[in-house]
């Protein structure tokens, strides 16, 4: 199932970003999505993308640091358990 979803996404990306569609539309060097987004006046409903992206990036950075710290703790716990099992193989 995931292979089908992956293939469909890849095919969609190739279709949307193909240079043939840009040439048909009379564009050169721009993708159809970026051209559409630049020329569309959609309401933003008060949503600003840049501040959201900055806060999302900061949150992802915090999560990465937390994961790194916890992986060190987990490695110590596993090492301790392995050493304990080697000392006491009957338990």
N, C-alpha and C. Protein backbone atom coordinates (compact mmCIF):
# COMPACT_ATOMS: atom_id res chain seq x y z
N UNK A 1 0.82 -1.19 0.00
CA UNK A 1 0.00 0.00 0.00
C UNK A 1 0.87 1.26 0.00
N UNK A 2 1.92 1.26 0.84
CA UNK A 2 2.78 2.44 0.91
C UNK A 2 3.54 2.63 -0.40
N UNK A 3 3.88 1.54 -1.08
CA UNK A 3 4.56 1.66 -2.37
C UNK A 3 3.64 2.30 -3.40
N UNK A 4 2.37 1.96 -3.37
CA UNK A 4 1.40 2.56 -4.29
C UNK A 4 1.25 4.04 -4.01
N UNK A 5 1.15 4.41 -2.74
CA UNK A 5 1.01 5.82 -2.37
C UNK A 5 2.27 6.59 -2.77
N UNK A 6 3.44 6.00 -2.54
CA UNK A 6 4.69 6.64 -2.91
C UNK A 6 4.76 6.85 -4.43
N UNK A 7 4.41 5.83 -5.19
CA UNK A 7 4.46 5.92 -6.65
C UNK A 7 3.46 6.97 -7.16
N UNK A 8 2.28 7.02 -6.56
CA UNK A 8 1.29 8.02 -6.97
C UNK A 8 1.77 9.43 -6.67
N UNK A 9 2.40 9.64 -5.53
CA UNK A 9 2.93 10.96 -5.20
C UNK A 9 4.06 11.36 -6.12
N UNK A 10 4.92 10.42 -6.44
CA UNK A 10 6.03 10.70 -7.35
C UNK A 10 5.51 11.03 -8.75
N UNK A 11 4.52 10.28 -9.21
CA UNK A 11 3.95 10.54 -10.52
C UNK A 11 3.25 11.90 -10.55
N UNK A 12 2.59 12.24 -9.48
CA UNK A 12 1.93 13.56 -9.41
C UNK A 12 2.94 14.68 -9.45
N UNK A 13 4.06 14.51 -8.74
CA UNK A 13 5.10 15.54 -8.74
C UNK A 13 5.69 15.70 -10.13
N UNK A 14 5.92 14.61 -10.82
CA UNK A 14 6.46 14.69 -12.17
C UNK A 14 5.46 15.38 -13.10
N UNK A 15 4.20 15.05 -12.96
CA UNK A 15 3.17 15.65 -13.81
C UNK A 15 3.05 17.15 -13.57
N UNK A 16 3.02 17.55 -12.30
CA UNK A 16 2.82 18.96 -11.97
C UNK A 16 4.04 19.79 -12.30
N UNK A 17 5.22 19.25 -12.10
CA UNK A 17 6.44 20.02 -12.30
C UNK A 17 7.08 19.82 -13.67
N UNK A 18 6.38 19.17 -14.57
CA UNK A 18 6.97 18.87 -15.87
C UNK A 18 7.19 20.13 -16.69
N UNK A 19 8.30 20.21 -17.43
CA UNK A 19 8.57 21.38 -18.26
C UNK A 19 7.61 21.48 -19.45
N UNK A 20 6.98 20.37 -19.85
CA UNK A 20 6.06 20.40 -20.98
C UNK A 20 4.85 21.27 -20.65
N UNK A 21 4.32 21.18 -19.46
CA UNK A 21 3.18 22.01 -19.09
C UNK A 21 3.56 23.47 -19.04
N UNK A 22 4.75 23.78 -18.56
CA UNK A 22 5.20 25.16 -18.49
C UNK A 22 5.36 25.73 -19.91
N UNK A 23 5.86 24.90 -20.82
CA UNK A 23 6.04 25.36 -22.20
C UNK A 23 4.68 25.58 -22.87
N UNK A 24 3.71 24.72 -22.58
CA UNK A 24 2.38 24.88 -23.15
C UNK A 24 1.71 26.16 -22.64
N UNK A 25 2.00 26.50 -21.40
CA UNK A 25 1.41 27.68 -20.81
C UNK A 25 2.16 28.96 -21.21
N UNK A 26 3.24 28.81 -21.96
CA UNK A 26 4.02 29.96 -22.39
C UNK A 26 5.00 30.45 -21.35
N UNK A 27 5.29 29.64 -20.36
CA UNK A 27 6.22 30.01 -19.31
C UNK A 27 7.58 29.41 -19.60
N UNK A 28 8.58 30.06 -19.09
CA UNK A 28 9.92 29.50 -19.21
C UNK A 28 10.60 29.57 -17.87
N UNK A 29 11.07 28.44 -17.38
CA UNK A 29 11.83 28.39 -16.16
C UNK A 29 11.04 28.45 -14.87
N UNK A 30 9.74 28.44 -14.93
CA UNK A 30 8.96 28.45 -13.69
C UNK A 30 8.02 27.25 -13.70
N UNK A 31 7.77 26.73 -12.53
CA UNK A 31 6.84 25.62 -12.45
C UNK A 31 5.41 26.15 -12.45
N UNK A 32 4.49 25.30 -12.81
CA UNK A 32 3.10 25.74 -12.88
C UNK A 32 2.54 26.05 -11.51
N UNK A 33 2.99 25.33 -10.48
CA UNK A 33 2.48 25.59 -9.13
C UNK A 33 2.95 26.94 -8.63
N UNK A 34 4.24 27.24 -8.79
CA UNK A 34 4.73 28.54 -8.31
C UNK A 34 4.10 29.68 -9.09
N UNK A 35 3.87 29.48 -10.38
CA UNK A 35 3.22 30.51 -11.18
C UNK A 35 1.78 30.71 -10.72
N UNK A 36 1.08 29.62 -10.46
CA UNK A 36 -0.30 29.71 -9.98
C UNK A 36 -0.36 30.40 -8.64
N UNK A 37 0.53 30.01 -7.73
CA UNK A 37 0.51 30.60 -6.38
C UNK A 37 0.83 32.09 -6.42
N UNK A 38 1.72 32.49 -7.31
CA UNK A 38 2.10 33.90 -7.40
C UNK A 38 0.97 34.73 -7.99
N UNK A 39 0.15 34.16 -8.85
CA UNK A 39 -0.89 34.91 -9.54
C UNK A 39 -2.28 34.69 -8.95
N UNK A 40 -2.38 34.01 -7.84
CA UNK A 40 -3.68 33.75 -7.23
C UNK A 40 -3.80 34.59 -5.97
N UNK A 41 -4.90 35.27 -5.86
CA UNK A 41 -5.16 36.08 -4.67
C UNK A 41 -6.11 35.35 -3.75
N UNK A 42 -5.59 34.37 -3.05
CA UNK A 42 -6.40 33.60 -2.12
C UNK A 42 -6.43 34.30 -0.77
N UNK A 43 -7.56 34.24 -0.08
CA UNK A 43 -7.60 34.85 1.26
C UNK A 43 -6.72 34.06 2.22
N UNK A 44 -5.99 34.76 3.06
CA UNK A 44 -5.10 34.08 3.99
C UNK A 44 -5.75 33.83 5.34
N UNK A 45 -6.89 34.43 5.60
CA UNK A 45 -7.62 34.27 6.86
C UNK A 45 -6.74 34.59 8.05
N UNK A 46 -5.87 35.57 7.91
CA UNK A 46 -5.01 35.99 9.00
C UNK A 46 -3.84 35.07 9.27
N UNK A 47 -3.58 34.13 8.39
CA UNK A 47 -2.49 33.17 8.59
C UNK A 47 -1.25 33.66 7.86
N UNK A 48 -0.20 33.89 8.62
CA UNK A 48 1.08 34.28 8.04
C UNK A 48 2.00 33.07 8.07
N UNK A 49 2.52 32.68 6.92
CA UNK A 49 3.31 31.46 6.82
C UNK A 49 4.69 31.59 7.45
N UNK A 50 5.34 32.73 7.30
CA UNK A 50 6.72 32.85 7.77
C UNK A 50 6.83 32.71 9.29
N UNK A 51 6.03 33.42 10.10
CA UNK A 51 6.15 33.22 11.55
C UNK A 51 5.82 31.78 11.97
N UNK A 52 4.84 31.19 11.30
CA UNK A 52 4.49 29.81 11.61
C UNK A 52 5.66 28.89 11.29
N UNK A 53 6.30 29.11 10.15
CA UNK A 53 7.42 28.27 9.75
C UNK A 53 8.58 28.41 10.72
N UNK A 54 8.81 29.63 11.19
CA UNK A 54 9.90 29.84 12.15
C UNK A 54 9.62 29.14 13.47
N UNK A 55 8.38 29.22 13.94
CA UNK A 55 8.06 28.54 15.20
C UNK A 55 8.07 27.02 15.03
N UNK A 56 7.64 26.54 13.87
CA UNK A 56 7.69 25.10 13.61
C UNK A 56 9.13 24.61 13.56
N UNK A 57 9.99 25.39 12.94
CA UNK A 57 11.42 25.02 12.87
C UNK A 57 12.03 24.98 14.27
N UNK A 58 11.69 25.95 15.11
CA UNK A 58 12.21 25.97 16.48
C UNK A 58 11.70 24.76 17.25
N UNK A 59 10.43 24.42 17.08
CA UNK A 59 9.87 23.26 17.78
C UNK A 59 10.53 21.96 17.31
N UNK A 60 10.79 21.86 16.03
CA UNK A 60 11.45 20.66 15.51
C UNK A 60 12.87 20.58 16.05
N UNK A 61 13.54 21.72 16.15
CA UNK A 61 14.89 21.75 16.72
C UNK A 61 14.89 21.30 18.18
N UNK A 62 13.90 21.77 18.96
CA UNK A 62 13.79 21.34 20.36
C UNK A 62 13.52 19.84 20.45
N UNK A 63 12.67 19.34 19.57
CA UNK A 63 12.36 17.91 19.57
C UNK A 63 13.59 17.09 19.22
N UNK A 64 14.40 17.59 18.30
CA UNK A 64 15.61 16.87 17.91
C UNK A 64 16.61 16.83 19.06
N UNK A 65 16.77 17.93 19.76
CA UNK A 65 17.67 17.97 20.92
C UNK A 65 17.18 17.03 22.01
N UNK A 66 15.86 17.05 22.28
CA UNK A 66 15.28 16.16 23.27
C UNK A 66 15.51 14.69 22.89
N UNK A 67 15.30 14.37 21.62
CA UNK A 67 15.48 12.99 21.16
C UNK A 67 16.93 12.56 21.31
N UNK A 68 17.85 13.46 21.02
CA UNK A 68 19.27 13.13 21.14
C UNK A 68 19.63 12.87 22.61
N UNK A 69 19.14 13.71 23.51
CA UNK A 69 19.41 13.52 24.94
C UNK A 69 18.81 12.21 25.44
N UNK A 70 17.59 11.91 25.01
CA UNK A 70 16.93 10.69 25.46
C UNK A 70 17.58 9.44 24.87
N UNK A 71 18.16 9.55 23.69
CA UNK A 71 18.84 8.39 23.11
C UNK A 71 20.09 8.04 23.92
N UNK A 72 20.77 9.06 24.48
CA UNK A 72 21.92 8.81 25.34
C UNK A 72 21.48 8.11 26.62
N UNK A 73 20.37 8.57 27.21
CA UNK A 73 19.83 7.94 28.42
C UNK A 73 19.43 6.50 28.13
N UNK A 74 18.75 6.28 27.02
CA UNK A 74 18.33 4.93 26.66
C UNK A 74 19.53 4.02 26.43
N UNK A 75 20.56 4.53 25.79
CA UNK A 75 21.77 3.73 25.56
C UNK A 75 22.39 3.30 26.89
N UNK A 76 22.40 4.21 27.87
CA UNK A 76 22.94 3.86 29.19
C UNK A 76 22.09 2.79 29.87
N UNK A 77 20.77 2.92 29.77
CA UNK A 77 19.88 1.92 30.37
C UNK A 77 20.09 0.56 29.72
N UNK A 78 20.16 0.52 28.41
CA UNK A 78 20.37 -0.75 27.70
C UNK A 78 21.72 -1.36 28.07
N UNK A 79 22.74 -0.53 28.13
CA UNK A 79 24.08 -1.01 28.49
C UNK A 79 24.06 -1.60 29.90
N UNK A 80 23.40 -0.93 30.82
CA UNK A 80 23.30 -1.43 32.19
C UNK A 80 22.56 -2.76 32.23
N UNK A 81 21.46 -2.87 31.51
CA UNK A 81 20.68 -4.13 31.49
C UNK A 81 21.48 -5.27 30.88
N UNK A 82 22.22 -4.99 29.82
CA UNK A 82 23.03 -6.03 29.18
C UNK A 82 24.12 -6.50 30.13
N UNK A 83 24.77 -5.56 30.80
CA UNK A 83 25.82 -5.93 31.77
C UNK A 83 25.23 -6.73 32.92
N UNK A 84 24.06 -6.35 33.38
CA UNK A 84 23.39 -7.06 34.46
C UNK A 84 23.04 -8.48 34.04
N UNK A 85 22.55 -8.64 32.82
CA UNK A 85 22.21 -9.99 32.31
C UNK A 85 23.44 -10.84 32.11
N UNK A 86 24.58 -10.24 31.78
CA UNK A 86 25.80 -11.01 31.61
C UNK A 86 26.33 -11.48 32.95
N UNK A 87 26.15 -10.66 34.01
CA UNK A 87 26.59 -11.03 35.35
C UNK A 87 25.68 -12.11 35.95
N UNK A 88 24.38 -11.96 35.72
CA UNK A 88 23.40 -12.86 36.31
C UNK A 88 22.60 -13.56 35.21
N UNK A 89 23.21 -14.54 34.52
CA UNK A 89 22.50 -15.16 33.39
C UNK A 89 21.31 -16.00 33.79
N UNK A 90 21.20 -16.42 35.03
CA UNK A 90 20.10 -17.28 35.46
C UNK A 90 18.83 -16.53 35.77
N UNK A 91 18.85 -15.22 35.88
CA UNK A 91 17.65 -14.48 36.29
C UNK A 91 16.84 -14.01 35.13
